[in-house]
Protein backbone atom coordinates (compact mmCIF):
# COMPACT_ATOMS: atom_id res chain seq x y z
CA MET A 1 -79.70 -47.16 -110.47
CA LYS A 2 -77.97 -47.93 -107.20
CA ASN A 3 -78.76 -45.41 -104.45
CA PHE A 4 -81.57 -44.09 -106.67
CA VAL A 5 -83.70 -42.84 -103.83
CA SER A 6 -80.88 -41.14 -101.96
CA ILE A 7 -79.71 -39.38 -105.11
CA LEU A 8 -83.16 -37.87 -105.56
CA THR A 9 -82.75 -36.13 -102.20
CA LEU A 10 -79.61 -34.30 -103.23
CA ILE A 11 -80.49 -30.67 -103.79
CA GLY A 12 -78.43 -27.68 -104.71
CA VAL A 13 -74.95 -27.30 -106.00
CA LEU A 14 -72.52 -29.63 -107.70
CA PHE A 15 -70.75 -32.05 -105.37
CA ILE A 16 -67.26 -33.10 -106.39
CA LEU A 17 -65.97 -36.38 -105.01
CA SER A 18 -62.23 -36.55 -105.38
CA ALA A 19 -59.07 -37.50 -103.56
CA CYS A 20 -57.58 -35.03 -101.15
CA SER A 21 -54.62 -34.31 -103.39
CA GLU A 22 -54.47 -30.82 -104.90
CA ASP A 23 -52.99 -32.23 -108.12
CA GLU A 24 -54.97 -31.74 -111.31
CA PRO A 25 -57.00 -34.84 -112.22
CA ASP A 26 -55.99 -36.99 -115.18
CA LEU A 27 -59.64 -37.68 -115.97
CA ILE A 28 -63.01 -36.09 -115.14
CA VAL A 29 -66.16 -38.19 -115.00
CA THR A 30 -69.60 -36.62 -114.54
CA SER A 31 -72.70 -38.52 -113.47
CA PHE A 32 -76.02 -38.16 -111.66
CA THR A 33 -75.30 -41.01 -109.25
CA ASP A 34 -72.49 -42.10 -106.92
CA GLU A 35 -72.45 -45.66 -108.28
CA LEU A 36 -69.23 -44.97 -110.21
CA GLN A 37 -67.20 -44.04 -107.13
CA GLU A 38 -65.93 -47.52 -106.39
CA PRO A 39 -65.13 -48.35 -110.05
CA ILE A 40 -63.19 -45.10 -110.21
CA GLU A 41 -61.14 -46.01 -107.14
CA TYR A 42 -60.37 -49.38 -108.72
CA PHE A 43 -59.40 -47.67 -111.99
CA GLU A 44 -57.12 -45.21 -110.20
CA GLN A 45 -55.19 -48.03 -108.59
CA LEU A 46 -55.07 -50.01 -111.81
CA HIS A 47 -53.63 -47.17 -113.89
CA ASP A 48 -51.97 -45.00 -111.21
CA VAL A 49 -54.03 -41.96 -112.17
CA LYS A 50 -56.31 -39.47 -110.46
CA VAL A 51 -59.98 -39.27 -111.47
CA ASP A 52 -62.52 -36.70 -110.31
CA LEU A 53 -66.13 -37.81 -110.13
CA GLN A 54 -68.48 -34.86 -110.45
CA ILE A 55 -72.00 -35.64 -109.26
CA ILE A 56 -74.82 -33.41 -110.43
CA PRO A 57 -78.20 -34.10 -108.79
CA THR A 58 -80.60 -35.87 -111.13
CA GLU A 59 -83.07 -32.99 -111.27
CA ASN A 60 -80.33 -30.55 -112.33
CA TYR A 61 -78.26 -32.87 -114.50
CA VAL A 62 -79.41 -31.98 -118.01
CA ASN A 63 -79.65 -28.22 -117.50
CA THR A 64 -76.23 -28.11 -115.81
CA LEU A 65 -74.29 -30.41 -118.11
CA ARG A 66 -75.77 -29.59 -121.53
CA PRO A 67 -74.30 -26.04 -121.76
CA ALA A 68 -70.83 -27.40 -120.95
CA LEU A 69 -71.16 -30.09 -123.62
CA GLU A 70 -72.34 -27.59 -126.22
CA SER A 71 -69.73 -24.96 -125.47
CA GLY A 72 -66.86 -27.22 -124.47
CA SER A 73 -66.18 -25.06 -121.43
CA GLY A 74 -65.95 -27.25 -118.34
CA ALA A 75 -66.99 -30.39 -120.20
CA PRO A 76 -65.93 -33.70 -118.59
CA ASP A 77 -63.95 -36.43 -120.34
CA VAL A 78 -66.59 -39.07 -119.62
CA PHE A 79 -70.25 -38.60 -118.71
CA THR A 80 -73.31 -40.73 -118.16
CA GLY A 81 -76.86 -40.44 -119.43
CA GLU A 82 -80.21 -41.82 -118.34
CA ILE A 83 -82.80 -43.37 -120.62
CA VAL A 84 -84.90 -40.21 -120.16
CA TYR A 85 -82.66 -38.13 -122.44
CA LEU A 86 -80.47 -40.82 -123.98
CA LYS A 87 -82.34 -40.89 -127.30
CA ASP A 88 -81.84 -37.15 -127.65
CA TRP A 89 -78.20 -37.04 -126.59
CA ILE A 90 -76.96 -39.80 -128.91
CA GLU A 91 -78.19 -37.67 -131.83
CA GLN A 92 -76.30 -34.59 -130.60
CA ASP A 93 -72.59 -34.05 -131.07
CA TYR A 94 -71.79 -34.70 -127.41
CA TRP A 95 -70.45 -38.24 -127.17
CA GLU A 96 -67.58 -39.56 -129.28
CA ASN A 97 -68.38 -42.09 -132.03
CA LEU A 98 -67.13 -45.35 -130.48
CA SER A 99 -67.76 -47.34 -133.66
CA GLN A 100 -64.78 -45.72 -135.38
CA GLU A 101 -61.07 -46.38 -135.07
CA PRO A 102 -59.37 -46.91 -132.68
CA TYR A 103 -62.33 -47.96 -130.47
CA ASN A 104 -64.21 -50.35 -132.77
CA VAL A 105 -66.78 -51.24 -130.11
CA ASP A 106 -69.06 -52.79 -132.74
CA GLU A 107 -66.87 -55.84 -132.28
CA TRP A 108 -68.36 -56.21 -128.77
CA ARG A 109 -71.99 -56.23 -129.86
CA ASP A 110 -72.73 -59.96 -129.67
CA ASP A 111 -71.73 -59.99 -125.99
CA TYR A 112 -74.49 -57.58 -124.92
CA MET A 113 -78.25 -57.56 -124.38
CA GLU A 114 -79.70 -56.42 -127.68
CA TYR A 115 -82.00 -53.67 -126.41
CA VAL A 116 -79.28 -52.15 -124.19
CA TRP A 117 -76.77 -52.05 -127.02
CA ASP A 118 -79.26 -50.71 -129.57
CA LEU A 119 -80.32 -47.80 -127.36
CA GLY A 120 -76.78 -46.38 -127.52
CA ILE A 121 -76.76 -46.28 -131.34
CA ASN A 122 -77.78 -43.10 -133.16
CA SER A 123 -79.69 -42.81 -136.44
CA ASN A 124 -76.42 -43.01 -138.39
CA GLY A 125 -75.63 -46.40 -136.89
CA GLU A 126 -72.86 -45.06 -134.64
CA VAL A 127 -72.39 -46.28 -131.08
CA ARG A 128 -72.28 -43.17 -128.91
CA ALA A 129 -72.98 -44.67 -125.49
CA VAL A 130 -72.76 -48.11 -123.89
CA SER A 131 -74.05 -49.59 -120.65
CA TRP A 132 -73.02 -52.32 -118.23
CA GLN A 133 -76.60 -52.64 -116.91
CA THR A 134 -79.86 -54.14 -117.97
CA THR A 135 -82.96 -53.05 -116.06
CA PRO A 136 -85.98 -55.20 -116.98
CA GLY A 137 -88.80 -55.30 -114.49
CA GLY A 138 -90.93 -57.90 -112.83
CA ILE A 139 -93.44 -58.40 -110.04
CA TYR A 140 -91.94 -59.09 -106.62
CA TYR A 141 -94.33 -60.92 -104.32
CA ARG A 142 -94.51 -62.39 -100.81
CA ARG A 143 -94.11 -66.16 -100.84
CA SER A 144 -96.02 -66.76 -97.60
CA ILE A 145 -99.08 -64.87 -98.86
CA ALA A 146 -98.93 -66.67 -102.21
CA GLN A 147 -98.85 -70.03 -100.49
CA GLU A 148 -101.77 -69.14 -98.23
CA VAL A 149 -104.06 -67.65 -100.87
CA LEU A 150 -102.97 -69.24 -104.16
CA GLY A 151 -101.71 -72.58 -102.92
CA THR A 152 -98.22 -72.14 -104.37
CA ASP A 153 -95.28 -69.78 -104.12
CA ASP A 154 -93.58 -71.07 -107.28
CA PRO A 155 -92.51 -68.15 -109.55
CA GLU A 156 -93.43 -69.98 -112.75
CA GLN A 157 -96.93 -70.82 -111.55
CA ILE A 158 -97.49 -67.33 -110.17
CA GLY A 159 -96.17 -65.94 -113.46
CA GLN A 160 -98.81 -67.87 -115.35
CA MET A 161 -101.49 -66.28 -113.17
CA PHE A 162 -99.94 -62.84 -113.83
CA SER A 163 -99.54 -63.34 -117.59
CA THR A 164 -102.65 -61.30 -118.49
CA MET A 165 -104.35 -58.28 -117.00
CA GLU A 166 -107.43 -60.42 -116.45
CA GLY A 167 -105.28 -62.88 -114.54
CA LEU A 168 -103.97 -60.09 -112.33
CA MET A 169 -107.52 -59.06 -111.53
CA GLU A 170 -108.44 -62.64 -110.59
CA VAL A 171 -105.51 -62.77 -108.19
CA GLY A 172 -106.59 -59.37 -106.88
CA GLU A 173 -110.04 -60.73 -106.04
CA ASN A 174 -108.55 -63.76 -104.29
CA MET A 175 -106.27 -61.53 -102.28
CA LYS A 176 -109.10 -59.23 -101.25
CA GLN A 177 -111.17 -62.18 -100.01
CA HIS A 178 -108.31 -62.94 -97.59
CA ASN A 179 -107.89 -59.29 -96.53
CA TYR A 180 -104.78 -58.78 -98.65
CA ARG A 181 -104.26 -56.28 -101.44
CA LEU A 182 -102.71 -57.19 -104.79
CA PHE A 183 -100.53 -54.04 -105.09
CA PRO A 184 -99.74 -50.93 -103.04
CA ASP A 185 -101.44 -48.70 -105.65
CA GLU A 186 -102.74 -48.58 -109.21
CA GLY A 187 -99.36 -47.42 -110.53
CA SER A 188 -98.09 -50.97 -110.23
CA ILE A 189 -99.86 -51.87 -113.49
CA ALA A 190 -98.50 -48.83 -115.36
CA PRO A 191 -95.56 -50.82 -116.85
CA TYR A 192 -98.01 -53.10 -118.62
CA THR A 193 -100.04 -50.46 -120.48
CA ASN A 194 -98.50 -51.42 -123.84
CA GLY A 195 -100.00 -54.86 -123.54
CA ALA A 196 -99.17 -57.39 -126.24
CA ASN A 197 -98.99 -54.59 -128.81
CA PRO A 198 -95.96 -52.47 -127.85
CA GLN A 199 -95.78 -49.24 -129.84
CA PRO A 200 -93.71 -46.06 -129.44
CA TRP A 201 -95.57 -43.14 -127.96
CA VAL A 202 -94.60 -41.07 -131.01
CA ASN A 203 -94.09 -42.58 -134.45
CA GLU A 204 -91.78 -41.48 -137.26
CA ASN A 205 -94.42 -39.02 -138.50
CA ASP A 206 -94.53 -37.25 -135.11
CA GLU A 207 -97.97 -38.71 -134.41
CA LEU A 208 -99.04 -39.72 -130.91
CA VAL A 209 -99.87 -43.43 -130.90
CA MET A 210 -102.82 -44.24 -128.66
CA THR A 211 -103.44 -48.00 -128.81
CA GLU A 212 -106.40 -49.93 -127.45
CA GLU A 213 -104.04 -51.39 -124.85
CA ARG A 214 -103.14 -47.92 -123.60
CA LEU A 215 -106.78 -46.91 -123.47
CA ALA A 216 -107.49 -50.06 -121.45
CA TYR A 217 -105.17 -48.77 -118.71
CA PHE A 218 -107.95 -46.35 -117.71
CA ASP A 219 -110.35 -49.25 -117.21
CA TYR A 220 -107.94 -51.55 -115.39
CA ALA A 221 -106.80 -48.79 -113.04
CA LYS A 222 -110.44 -47.94 -112.31
CA GLU A 223 -111.21 -51.60 -111.65
CA LEU A 224 -108.32 -51.86 -109.19
CA ARG A 225 -109.65 -48.81 -107.32
CA GLU A 226 -113.34 -49.66 -107.32
CA LYS A 227 -112.82 -53.27 -106.30
CA GLN A 228 -110.25 -52.25 -103.68
CA TYR A 229 -107.48 -54.47 -104.98
CA THR A 230 -104.81 -51.96 -103.86
CA ALA A 231 -103.96 -50.43 -100.50
CA LEU A 232 -103.93 -46.87 -101.90
CA ALA A 233 -100.29 -46.45 -100.84
CA PRO A 234 -98.64 -44.30 -103.56
CA ALA A 235 -95.18 -45.26 -104.83
CA TRP A 236 -92.33 -43.83 -102.69
CA SER A 237 -94.72 -42.80 -99.89
CA PRO A 238 -94.11 -43.90 -96.27
CA ALA A 239 -97.00 -46.37 -96.57
CA TRP A 240 -95.54 -47.81 -99.78
CA TYR A 241 -92.28 -48.63 -98.03
CA ALA A 242 -94.08 -49.92 -94.95
CA SER A 243 -96.17 -52.28 -97.09
CA PHE A 244 -93.06 -54.39 -97.73
CA THR A 245 -92.78 -55.52 -94.13
CA GLY A 246 -96.26 -55.95 -92.72
CA PRO A 247 -99.81 -54.64 -92.36
CA ILE A 248 -100.60 -51.00 -93.15
CA SER A 249 -103.75 -48.96 -92.81
CA TYR A 250 -105.89 -48.85 -95.93
CA ASN A 251 -105.84 -45.56 -97.86
CA VAL A 252 -103.13 -43.76 -95.89
CA GLY A 253 -101.95 -41.95 -99.02
CA TRP A 254 -98.91 -39.76 -98.45
CA ASP A 255 -99.47 -39.40 -94.70
CA GLU A 256 -96.86 -40.55 -92.24
CA ILE A 257 -97.46 -43.97 -90.72
CA ASP A 258 -99.55 -43.89 -87.54
CA GLU A 259 -98.21 -46.62 -85.27
CA ASP A 260 -101.37 -46.42 -83.13
CA ALA A 261 -103.82 -46.78 -86.01
CA ASP A 262 -106.87 -49.01 -85.66
CA GLN A 263 -105.68 -52.49 -86.64
CA SER A 264 -109.16 -53.47 -87.81
CA ASP A 265 -108.67 -51.14 -90.79
CA GLN A 266 -105.33 -52.66 -91.78
CA THR A 267 -104.39 -54.81 -94.74
CA GLU A 268 -101.27 -56.44 -96.12
CA VAL A 269 -99.86 -56.01 -99.63
CA PHE A 270 -98.99 -59.04 -101.73
CA ALA A 271 -96.82 -57.70 -104.56
CA VAL A 272 -95.15 -54.71 -106.22
CA SER A 273 -93.79 -54.01 -109.70
CA LEU A 274 -90.12 -52.99 -109.72
CA PRO A 275 -87.18 -53.15 -112.15
CA THR A 276 -83.93 -55.01 -111.41
CA TRP A 277 -82.45 -52.24 -109.29
CA GLY A 278 -85.50 -52.29 -107.04
CA LEU A 279 -84.29 -55.51 -105.41
CA HIS A 280 -81.08 -54.09 -103.96
CA SER A 281 -81.92 -50.39 -103.75
CA VAL A 282 -85.49 -50.72 -102.44
CA LEU A 283 -86.51 -54.12 -101.11
CA LYS A 284 -83.23 -55.20 -99.52
CA GLU A 285 -82.96 -51.77 -97.92
CA GLU A 286 -86.54 -51.43 -96.72
CA ALA A 287 -87.82 -55.01 -96.29
CA GLN A 288 -85.18 -56.69 -94.17
CA GLU A 289 -87.88 -57.98 -91.79
CA THR A 290 -89.39 -60.03 -94.62
CA ALA A 291 -86.12 -61.20 -96.18
CA GLY A 292 -86.43 -64.71 -97.58
CA ASP A 293 -90.18 -64.35 -98.08
CA TRP A 294 -89.92 -62.77 -101.53
CA ALA A 295 -89.75 -64.02 -105.11
CA VAL A 296 -89.93 -62.32 -108.51
CA THR A 297 -91.90 -63.28 -111.59
CA ASN A 298 -93.24 -61.84 -114.81
CA GLY A 299 -96.14 -59.49 -115.33
CA PRO A 300 -98.45 -59.46 -118.37
CA THR A 301 -95.76 -57.95 -120.63
CA PRO A 302 -92.00 -57.27 -120.47
CA TYR A 303 -90.79 -53.81 -119.51
CA PHE A 304 -87.69 -52.01 -118.32
CA GLN A 305 -87.13 -48.91 -116.24
CA GLY A 306 -84.04 -46.77 -115.93
CA GLY A 307 -80.47 -47.67 -116.67
CA THR A 308 -77.22 -45.75 -117.03
CA TRP A 309 -75.34 -45.30 -120.31
CA ILE A 310 -71.82 -43.90 -120.55
CA GLY A 311 -69.68 -42.37 -123.28
CA MET A 312 -66.70 -40.15 -123.97
CA TYR A 313 -66.92 -36.42 -124.66
CA LYS A 314 -66.13 -35.84 -128.34
CA ASP A 315 -63.52 -33.13 -127.62
CA SER A 316 -61.87 -34.73 -124.59
CA GLU A 317 -58.12 -34.25 -124.43
CA ASN A 318 -57.78 -37.55 -122.58
CA LYS A 319 -59.50 -39.93 -124.99
CA ASP A 320 -57.12 -42.85 -124.50
CA LEU A 321 -57.59 -42.86 -120.74
CA ALA A 322 -61.31 -42.12 -121.07
CA PHE A 323 -61.81 -45.13 -123.31
CA GLU A 324 -59.83 -47.33 -120.94
CA PHE A 325 -62.26 -46.36 -118.17
CA ILE A 326 -65.30 -47.08 -120.33
CA LYS A 327 -63.82 -50.40 -121.42
CA MET A 328 -63.17 -51.42 -117.82
CA LEU A 329 -66.68 -50.47 -116.76
CA VAL A 330 -68.55 -52.34 -119.49
CA ASN A 331 -66.17 -54.90 -120.99
CA ASP A 332 -63.71 -56.10 -118.32
CA GLN A 333 -64.85 -59.56 -117.25
CA GLU A 334 -62.82 -59.68 -114.03
CA PHE A 335 -64.00 -56.26 -112.87
CA LEU A 336 -67.63 -56.89 -113.82
CA THR A 337 -67.71 -60.23 -112.01
CA GLU A 338 -66.60 -58.51 -108.82
CA TRP A 339 -69.08 -55.70 -109.48
CA VAL A 340 -72.00 -58.14 -109.68
CA MET A 341 -71.00 -59.85 -106.46
CA GLU A 342 -70.77 -56.51 -104.65
CA THR A 343 -73.76 -54.61 -106.03
CA GLY A 344 -76.24 -57.19 -107.28
CA ASP A 345 -76.51 -55.31 -110.57
CA VAL A 346 -77.95 -57.28 -113.46
CA LEU A 347 -75.50 -56.78 -116.30
CA SER A 348 -76.01 -56.34 -120.02
CA TYR A 349 -72.74 -58.24 -120.57
CA TYR A 350 -73.48 -61.91 -121.33
CA PRO A 351 -70.07 -63.47 -120.51
CA VAL A 352 -70.38 -62.45 -116.84
CA MET A 353 -74.13 -62.92 -116.51
CA GLU A 354 -74.10 -66.43 -117.91
CA GLU A 355 -71.30 -67.43 -115.54
CA VAL A 356 -72.92 -65.87 -112.48
CA ALA A 357 -76.42 -67.13 -113.31
CA ALA A 358 -75.27 -70.73 -113.71
CA ASP A 359 -75.73 -71.60 -110.04
CA TYR A 360 -76.89 -68.43 -108.30
CA ALA A 361 -79.38 -68.42 -105.42
CA ASP A 362 -80.49 -65.24 -103.65
CA GLU A 363 -81.39 -65.77 -99.98
CA PHE A 364 -83.60 -62.68 -99.92
CA LEU A 365 -85.67 -64.26 -102.69
CA GLY A 366 -85.96 -67.59 -100.94
CA GLY A 367 -83.10 -69.06 -102.97
CA GLN A 368 -84.42 -67.95 -106.37
CA ASN A 369 -82.01 -67.34 -109.25
CA HIS A 370 -83.24 -63.90 -110.29
CA TYR A 371 -80.35 -63.41 -112.70
CA ASP A 372 -81.67 -66.23 -114.86
CA PHE A 373 -85.14 -64.69 -114.71
CA PHE A 374 -84.03 -61.17 -115.66
CA ILE A 375 -81.81 -62.34 -118.51
CA GLU A 376 -84.89 -63.93 -120.07
CA ARG A 377 -86.97 -60.80 -119.48
CA ALA A 378 -84.29 -58.53 -120.99
CA GLU A 379 -84.24 -60.57 -124.18
CA GLU A 380 -87.96 -59.85 -124.66
CA ILE A 381 -87.53 -56.05 -124.69
CA ASP A 382 -87.77 -54.17 -127.99
CA ALA A 383 -85.70 -50.98 -128.06
CA SER A 384 -87.55 -49.67 -131.12
CA THR A 385 -90.49 -48.59 -128.94
CA VAL A 386 -88.34 -46.16 -126.93
CA THR A 387 -88.55 -42.46 -127.83
CA ARG A 388 -87.14 -39.27 -126.37
CA TYR A 389 -90.66 -38.25 -125.32
CA ASP A 390 -91.39 -41.24 -123.13
CA GLN A 391 -90.88 -39.97 -119.61
CA GLN A 392 -92.89 -36.78 -119.93
CA ILE A 393 -95.69 -38.39 -121.91
CA ASP A 394 -95.82 -41.27 -119.42
CA GLU A 395 -96.18 -38.74 -116.60
CA LEU A 396 -98.89 -36.78 -118.41
CA PHE A 397 -100.74 -39.99 -119.18
CA GLY A 398 -100.48 -41.28 -115.61
CA THR A 399 -101.80 -37.99 -114.25
CA GLN A 400 -104.92 -38.16 -116.39
CA VAL A 401 -105.52 -41.82 -115.59
CA GLY A 402 -105.33 -40.76 -111.95
CA ALA A 403 -107.85 -37.97 -112.53
CA TYR A 404 -110.25 -40.51 -114.00
CA VAL A 405 -109.71 -43.03 -111.22
CA GLU A 406 -110.32 -40.33 -108.60
CA GLY A 407 -113.57 -39.37 -110.28
CA ASN A 408 -112.43 -35.86 -111.17
CA LEU A 409 -112.85 -36.41 -114.93
CA THR A 410 -114.73 -38.79 -117.15
CA LYS A 411 -112.63 -41.13 -119.26
CA GLU A 412 -113.31 -39.04 -122.37
CA GLU A 413 -112.42 -35.80 -120.57
CA ALA A 414 -109.21 -37.32 -119.23
CA ILE A 415 -108.14 -38.48 -122.69
CA GLU A 416 -108.84 -35.06 -124.22
CA GLU A 417 -106.92 -33.35 -121.43
CA PHE A 418 -104.02 -35.74 -122.02
CA TYR A 419 -103.95 -34.85 -125.71
CA SER A 420 -104.08 -31.16 -124.89
CA GLN A 421 -101.15 -31.42 -122.49
CA VAL A 422 -99.07 -33.41 -124.98
CA VAL A 423 -99.56 -30.72 -127.63
CA ASN A 424 -98.75 -28.03 -125.09
CA ALA A 425 -95.50 -29.77 -124.18
CA TYR A 426 -94.61 -30.81 -127.74
CA PRO A 427 -96.30 -28.63 -130.41
CA ASN A 428 -94.76 -30.78 -133.14
CA ILE A 429 -96.71 -33.88 -132.09
CA VAL A 430 -100.01 -34.60 -133.83
CA VAL A 431 -102.59 -36.14 -131.51
CA PRO A 432 -105.61 -38.28 -132.54
CA GLU A 433 -108.79 -36.41 -133.37
């Protein structure tokens, strides 16, 4: 997910990053992010070949690439997929079956995070896509504020306070009493809506699964708003970014930051929920003024967000070279060790992670070993709860929770509207009566 935010700003046509040579490439790789550019340059030198990286903006990726994969016209040799459509694409005849000869990637399985590996396997038990990343999430918090309000900045002790939704609310009250806010906005608790009872949004009978834990999200989000435990700074807004470095005005919303705002109406945010890539792509980019004052710990339940899977086009004419690239990216210990040191990625590949995590200390996190922390979190994730419907249903659900929190709908009206929108988007799904 490196350069996630900048990729979202790319609009328009397909950008092709390639060497200046007019020679035909030996391999074509298509992705929605530029994170493969440096690995490609390394691969070119290693094998004395030319590789073209075709970048399609995230918002256009599926609609642009799918026709090429289905027709074979203009299809790349290697292409990536996001978790959003991964579950759909591994069931299509797009990616090559990497479980078969001569690839035999099933032999690698024990070296990878279980949930990451399992998400690349289709219903026939065939590995169609693999990933070098693991993207579990956590709660990043300011050490100085923790010490002042809670009497400790230790991640394990803070994690115990955050281990339940009720515990989060207690911390929220303590923060408010000291003119701090627990989170930038209510969306920070969205990752924990499954609670201790994680279920897929849609079960094997195409039924929408609405658990008590999901219903409780309405109540917890409302409590955060009514008790003013958040700063009302929506995710990715100017105020959200500004909250990482110092005081912001309460309830700025999506407005630009007013440097001359009344300081008496300002507050400071204690924590934010982000996945692994949020450390390097968000906090280290936007919170340099508070570097060293951060730590990361668990929330009430494990979660993950994002991730990039990669596979080979089934009809590629360059399968040997394509597989060599995939193997380097996900299974080459020397390359991946250098990759971790350069990017800060948290890998799904145990041999490198265990070596790196043995004595790692991140200065931005006050010397914390976040690799150790995220390895433990990744091992708690259950891939069986992931469905191809998740992103859109999550968005529909979040919108209706927001309508309730804003007072535009009652809880019952918001739930009924959610069901209606799910059926409208997916007529095959049966919603609760």
